Amino acid sequence: MAARRLSIAFVSAAAAWAALIVVAPFLASRAHASTFGAALTIAVYAVGRAVCHQLPERSFYLWTAQMPVCARCTGIYFGAAVMAVAAAAARLEPRLAPLKRRLAPLKPRLAPLKRRPTYATVPAANRSYVGHRFSGAVRGARLMLAVAALPSAATLVFEWTTGVTPSNWIRFAAGVPIGVAVAWLVRAAAENQVN
């Protein structure tokens, strides 16, 4: 049940942050924002400042106001939000309901098979296997993150070698895979699929 709550919290936070980085420029562009709107705008831009360089030339502008994070960070956060929401929607897919009803009588018998062994629950003689299995999951997660970072790394190498700054849309697109990979890993960890 804790995994479900963690998953719901992550999906909510990812979607809310992606929405806030769009809402904040809208509120900032209004001449007479409410007190709540002004406070929200200041808070979002302050959080954006803590996680991003916020260079004007590397940021998108909405409603004549600069977004709270740069184009690459916007891609990362939008990729994470889309992945988190899509993964949550896939879990709620109604077509699985009839299958779940048919498998319900088997659930008590299958429950021991679903639980993955932890280092503490495995006999000492078999612990090296469990450690090897877990290290494989960690290696897979690291590989996924490295592959997801390749487009961003390519834009940096391009910029450093040519002196030409890629467009904000290219930087946005290069950030999306990082957000998707991180969101997938967080959801998988919440469901205890990655240790």
Protein backbone atom coordinates (compact mmCIF):
# COMPACT_ATOMS: atom_id res chain seq x y z
CA MET A 1 0.00 0.00 0.00
CA ALA A 2 2.93 2.36 0.69
CA ALA A 3 4.19 1.75 -2.84
CA ARG A 4 0.82 2.78 -4.23
CA ARG A 5 0.80 5.98 -2.19
CA LEU A 6 4.36 6.75 -3.25
CA SER A 7 3.42 6.16 -6.87
CA ILE A 8 0.36 8.43 -6.63
CA ALA A 9 2.45 11.13 -4.95
CA PHE A 10 5.10 10.93 -7.67
CA VAL A 11 2.58 11.11 -10.51
CA SER A 12 0.84 14.04 -8.84
CA ALA A 13 4.08 15.91 -8.20
CA ALA A 14 5.41 15.34 -11.73
CA ALA A 15 2.16 16.51 -13.34
CA ALA A 16 1.78 19.46 -10.97
CA TRP A 17 5.33 20.72 -11.57
CA ALA A 18 4.93 20.43 -15.35
CA ALA A 19 1.70 22.43 -15.08
CA LEU A 20 3.22 25.02 -12.76
CA ILE A 21 6.12 25.81 -15.09
CA VAL A 22 3.50 26.75 -17.70
CA VAL A 23 1.13 28.55 -15.32
CA ALA A 24 3.86 30.68 -13.72
CA PRO A 25 4.71 32.64 -16.92
CA PHE A 26 0.99 33.19 -17.49
CA LEU A 27 0.61 34.65 -14.00
CA ALA A 28 3.85 36.64 -14.34
CA SER A 29 2.61 38.26 -17.55
CA ARG A 30 -0.56 39.57 -15.92
CA ALA A 31 -0.43 43.13 -14.65
CA HIS A 32 -2.76 42.60 -11.71
CA ALA A 33 -2.21 39.13 -10.32
CA SER A 34 -3.90 38.16 -7.09
CA THR A 35 -1.86 37.79 -3.91
CA PHE A 36 -2.02 34.01 -4.25
CA GLY A 37 -1.05 34.22 -7.92
CA ALA A 38 1.92 36.46 -7.14
CA ALA A 39 3.07 34.21 -4.30
CA LEU A 40 2.72 31.12 -6.49
CA THR A 41 4.69 32.76 -9.29
CA ILE A 42 7.49 33.80 -6.94
CA ALA A 43 7.63 30.30 -5.43
CA VAL A 44 7.77 28.54 -8.81
CA TYR A 45 10.50 30.85 -10.12
CA ALA A 46 12.46 30.39 -6.85
CA VAL A 47 12.30 26.59 -7.17
CA GLY A 48 13.22 26.94 -10.84
CA ARG A 49 16.23 29.04 -9.85
CA ALA A 50 17.35 26.35 -7.40
CA VAL A 51 17.37 23.62 -10.08
CA CYS A 52 18.21 25.52 -13.28
CA HIS A 53 20.47 28.29 -14.58
CA GLN A 54 17.46 30.15 -16.06
CA LEU A 55 19.50 31.79 -18.83
CA PRO A 56 17.10 33.93 -20.87
CA GLU A 57 18.53 32.89 -24.25
CA ARG A 58 18.14 29.21 -23.37
CA SER A 59 14.57 29.46 -22.12
CA PHE A 60 11.15 29.48 -23.73
CA TYR A 61 8.87 32.49 -23.37
CA LEU A 62 5.12 32.16 -22.86
CA TRP A 63 2.81 35.19 -22.75
CA THR A 64 5.94 37.40 -23.02
CA ALA A 65 7.35 35.97 -19.76
CA GLN A 66 10.37 33.68 -19.45
CA MET A 67 9.59 30.17 -18.21
CA PRO A 68 10.96 29.28 -14.75
CA VAL A 69 13.39 26.69 -16.20
CA CYS A 70 15.42 26.45 -19.41
CA ALA A 71 14.31 24.55 -22.50
CA ARG A 72 16.25 21.37 -21.58
CA CYS A 73 14.81 21.32 -18.06
CA THR A 74 11.35 21.91 -19.51
CA GLY A 75 11.85 18.83 -21.70
CA ILE A 76 13.01 16.82 -18.70
CA TYR A 77 10.01 17.79 -16.59
CA PHE A 78 7.50 17.33 -19.40
CA GLY A 79 9.01 13.93 -20.27
CA ALA A 80 8.78 12.87 -16.62
CA ALA A 81 5.18 14.06 -16.33
CA VAL A 82 4.06 12.33 -19.53
CA MET A 83 5.79 9.07 -18.52
CA ALA A 84 4.42 9.16 -14.98
CA VAL A 85 0.86 9.83 -16.14
CA ALA A 86 1.07 7.25 -18.96
CA ALA A 87 2.41 4.59 -16.61
CA ALA A 88 -0.34 5.34 -14.10
CA ALA A 89 -2.98 5.21 -16.83
CA ALA A 90 -1.63 1.90 -18.11
CA ARG A 91 -1.96 0.40 -14.64
CA LEU A 92 -5.58 1.46 -14.47
CA GLU A 93 -6.45 -0.03 -17.81
CA PRO A 94 -10.01 -1.37 -17.52
CA ARG A 95 -9.40 -4.26 -19.92
CA LEU A 96 -7.43 -6.01 -17.18
CA ALA A 97 -10.36 -6.06 -14.75
CA PRO A 98 -11.87 -9.34 -16.08
CA LEU A 99 -8.48 -11.04 -15.92
CA LYS A 100 -7.94 -9.85 -12.36
CA ARG A 101 -11.33 -11.27 -11.34
CA ARG A 102 -10.40 -14.65 -12.85
CA LEU A 103 -7.03 -14.66 -11.12
CA ALA A 104 -8.37 -13.51 -7.72
CA PRO A 105 -8.80 -17.08 -6.36
CA LEU A 106 -5.14 -17.80 -7.20
CA LYS A 107 -3.80 -14.69 -5.51
CA PRO A 108 -3.06 -16.30 -2.10
CA ARG A 109 -1.08 -19.07 -3.85
CA LEU A 110 0.83 -16.66 -6.10
CA ALA A 111 1.67 -14.10 -3.41
CA PRO A 112 4.90 -15.83 -2.27
CA LEU A 113 6.09 -15.93 -5.89
CA LYS A 114 5.64 -12.19 -6.43
CA ARG A 115 7.87 -11.11 -3.55
CA ARG A 116 11.48 -10.66 -4.56
CA PRO A 117 14.12 -11.87 -2.16
CA THR A 118 16.07 -9.34 -0.17
CA TYR A 119 19.58 -9.74 1.11
CA ALA A 120 18.31 -10.38 4.65
CA THR A 121 15.74 -13.05 3.65
CA VAL A 122 18.11 -15.21 1.62
CA PRO A 123 20.23 -17.88 3.35
CA ALA A 124 23.90 -16.94 3.71
CA ALA A 125 24.99 -19.58 1.16
CA ASN A 126 22.87 -17.95 -1.58
CA ARG A 127 23.54 -14.28 -0.83
CA SER A 128 26.10 -13.83 -3.57
CA TYR A 129 23.46 -14.74 -6.18
CA VAL A 130 20.98 -12.23 -4.78
CA GLY A 131 23.65 -9.53 -4.67
CA HIS A 132 24.58 -10.31 -8.28
CA ARG A 133 20.92 -10.10 -9.31
CA PHE A 134 20.45 -6.75 -7.58
CA SER A 135 23.67 -5.37 -9.01
CA GLY A 136 22.37 -6.34 -12.47
CA ALA A 137 19.24 -4.26 -11.86
CA VAL A 138 21.37 -1.31 -10.77
CA ARG A 139 23.59 -1.70 -13.84
CA GLY A 140 20.49 -1.76 -16.06
CA ALA A 141 19.15 1.41 -14.42
CA ARG A 142 22.50 3.15 -14.87
CA LEU A 143 22.67 2.07 -18.50
CA MET A 144 19.14 3.39 -19.10
CA LEU A 145 20.08 6.76 -17.62
CA ALA A 146 23.30 6.90 -19.65
CA VAL A 147 21.44 6.18 -22.89
CA ALA A 148 18.77 8.76 -21.98
CA ALA A 149 21.48 11.37 -21.39
CA LEU A 150 23.12 10.80 -24.80
CA PRO A 151 20.96 13.33 -26.72
CA SER A 152 21.77 16.06 -24.18
CA ALA A 153 25.44 15.11 -24.25
CA ALA A 154 25.37 15.29 -28.04
CA THR A 155 23.95 18.82 -27.95
CA LEU A 156 26.68 19.88 -25.52
CA VAL A 157 29.45 18.34 -27.63
CA PHE A 158 27.99 19.99 -30.73
CA GLU A 159 27.89 23.37 -29.02
CA TRP A 160 31.40 23.08 -27.59
CA THR A 161 32.97 21.94 -30.85
CA THR A 162 31.17 24.24 -33.28
CA GLY A 163 30.37 27.26 -31.11
CA VAL A 164 26.77 27.10 -32.37
CA THR A 165 24.06 26.89 -29.72
CA PRO A 166 21.31 24.40 -30.61
CA SER A 167 17.81 25.82 -30.72
CA ASN A 168 15.63 25.66 -27.65
CA TRP A 169 13.41 23.06 -29.33
CA ILE A 170 16.41 20.77 -29.87
CA ARG A 171 17.46 21.26 -26.25
CA PHE A 172 13.87 20.52 -25.17
CA ALA A 173 13.79 17.32 -27.25
CA ALA A 174 17.17 16.26 -25.86
CA GLY A 175 15.87 16.61 -22.31
CA VAL A 176 12.71 14.53 -22.78
CA PRO A 177 14.46 11.10 -22.67
CA ILE A 178 16.08 11.94 -19.33
CA GLY A 179 12.69 12.79 -17.83
CA VAL A 180 11.12 9.64 -19.27
CA ALA A 181 13.93 7.42 -17.95
CA VAL A 182 13.95 8.96 -14.48
CA ALA A 183 10.17 8.77 -14.18
CA TRP A 184 10.19 5.13 -15.27
CA LEU A 185 12.93 4.30 -12.75
CA VAL A 186 11.14 6.09 -9.91
CA ARG A 187 7.89 4.25 -10.67
CA ALA A 188 9.73 0.93 -10.97
CA ALA A 189 11.49 1.55 -7.65
CA ALA A 190 8.17 2.41 -6.02
CA GLU A 191 6.83 -0.93 -7.20
CA ASN A 192 10.03 -2.62 -5.98
CA GLN A 193 11.12 -3.67 -9.47
CA VAL A 194 14.47 -1.88 -9.24
CA ASN A 195 16.56 -2.08 -6.10
